[in-house]
Amino acid sequence: MKNLINGEKKDSVTGQIIEITNPATNEFIDTVPASNEQDVDEVVTYAKQAQVTWAKTPLHERGEILKKFVSLVEENQENLARTLCMETGKPIKEARAEISNTRNFVNGYVERAKHLYGMVIPQGNEPGQEKTVQYTVRQPLGVVACIIPFNFPCDLFGQKVPSALIMGNSVIVKPSTYNPLTLHKYCELMQMAGVPAGVINCISGEGPIVGQALAKHKDVHLVSVTGSTAVGMETMESASHNLTHVMLELGGNDAFILDKDGNLDLAVEELVWGRLYNTGQVCCASKRFLIHNSLKDEFIRRVINRINSMKLGNPMNEDTEIGCLINEKAAKRVEEQVNLTVQEGAVIVYGGRRSGAYFEPTVINNVTKTMSVMKDMEIFGPVIPVLGFDTIEEAIEIANQSNYGLCGCIITENMKTAFKVASELEVGGAVINGASFYRSAEMPFGGWKHSGIGNEGITTTLQEMSKIKTIVMKNILD
């Protein structure tokens, strides 16, 4: 596939390419351009020019074009899902579900934009303002760069791109180097739906080159990043040279707390959903399992029994429930982190083996609060480290000792305990009686501490994708 720049499909200026392979089978799929700073400068120039006309297009017309895009996605859903499955390694059922979410995102942002009204500051609200009326309007930022990770590319496209476009911005999509093909197809469908040339663009390449070139560019007005904390910090530094606005949704090491009166069956099923979905490659997955000591042994036994009932295999098979990681390098990284946890004194009681890009679900016992995994070592894979606690205050303290603060959860029948934990967790989202892996399209999703800056969701993103202007009618009244 080629870059989409100003409505044309282009190679990189150097002609260099990146090969995309299926992580489950190592089979070659396709290539994308290995773009550089010169390619970035070209695409930004066109995006800046095209944005001026797009901003003048009535909002309802922009909305109709985006709805046409939804129709095209649904017409091509199976092809898109199979591409996503092959290049990512997620089970085909999960790939289909992700593609189907696009309608919710697009329609939500279109309708929200229609009702994003300004404010009127009436005359006489303070001394000297008796004859003056003020009102506010929202205007586009300009060029928005959307840097999208590998784990949920279509969902995050749905959060970032329609919201930017409906507010009158032009967009440059920078997909992950590992699985860019589905998003290239999404951008082509955007153009087929009627988004003008230069308003939607897609450019592939290595993150440290293309992503940071976008962040540094003087004519990029917002950089929206979902990725690791390290990438977020680097992006923020690059963007600071031009005071470019950033939205950063970064890493997490979410705590899953099961208190002594919690429902064990519920906890196990929420673990399956909250830790093993997408083979554990989820920023807000539950990654640290804090289990009351009275339940810990039984919890581990039931978790192992439940995992034994699940099928790990080729992601394209309809009955596969757990696929592979995004590539072998990622699986080796998980393997290294598990080995480090064992070296620190923990014990693997289930799993722990790697084969290529596959890493089997792994349960680790005898974890202590001083171990790396209970602090800031985020394991991006299907690993379940279990730590026992005696008091809820102890659990909260351990949960909060991490530099991350994305999400967290508490499972308990005692609502006073539930709200105490939800209130005291240092996170952007706290889930009661469910895993921390919870993200509705509407909710303001974002982290505290090293987990990010800003909130993304239908209730909040349109404000981030626009700037506010106050129009003053001075002495308009007699």
Foldseek 3Di string as FASTA:
>chain_A
DAWAALNDGDAAPVNAWAWAFFQFPRHTDDIYHAHFLVVLVRLLVLQQVLLVVLQVPDLVVLLQLLVLLLVVLVVCLQVLLVLLCRLFFAASVVSSVLSNCLVVLSVLQSVLVVVPAKDKDDAPPDPPRNQKIKIKDWAFQEEEEEEAESQRRSNSCSQPVSLLSSRRYAYEYEYHSRRCPSVSVSLVSSVVSPDGGSSYIYHYHDCVGNVLSLLQDLSHQEYEDEEALVSVVSSVVNNVVNVHHYWYQHAAAAEEEEDPAFDLVLSLVLLCVQQCRSQRQDRQRHQEYEYAPVCVVVSVVVNVVVLVVAAEDRSHDPRHDHTFGSFQVLVVVLLVLVVQQVVVPKAWPDFSDDDTRHGRQTEIEPGDLPGPSLAEDDRRGRYYYYDHDHDLVVVQVSRQRYQWAFEYEYGHPDVVSRVVSQVSRQWPYYYYSHTSPDDDQADFGHTPGSRTDGTIHSPGVSPVRIDMDMDMDGSNGD
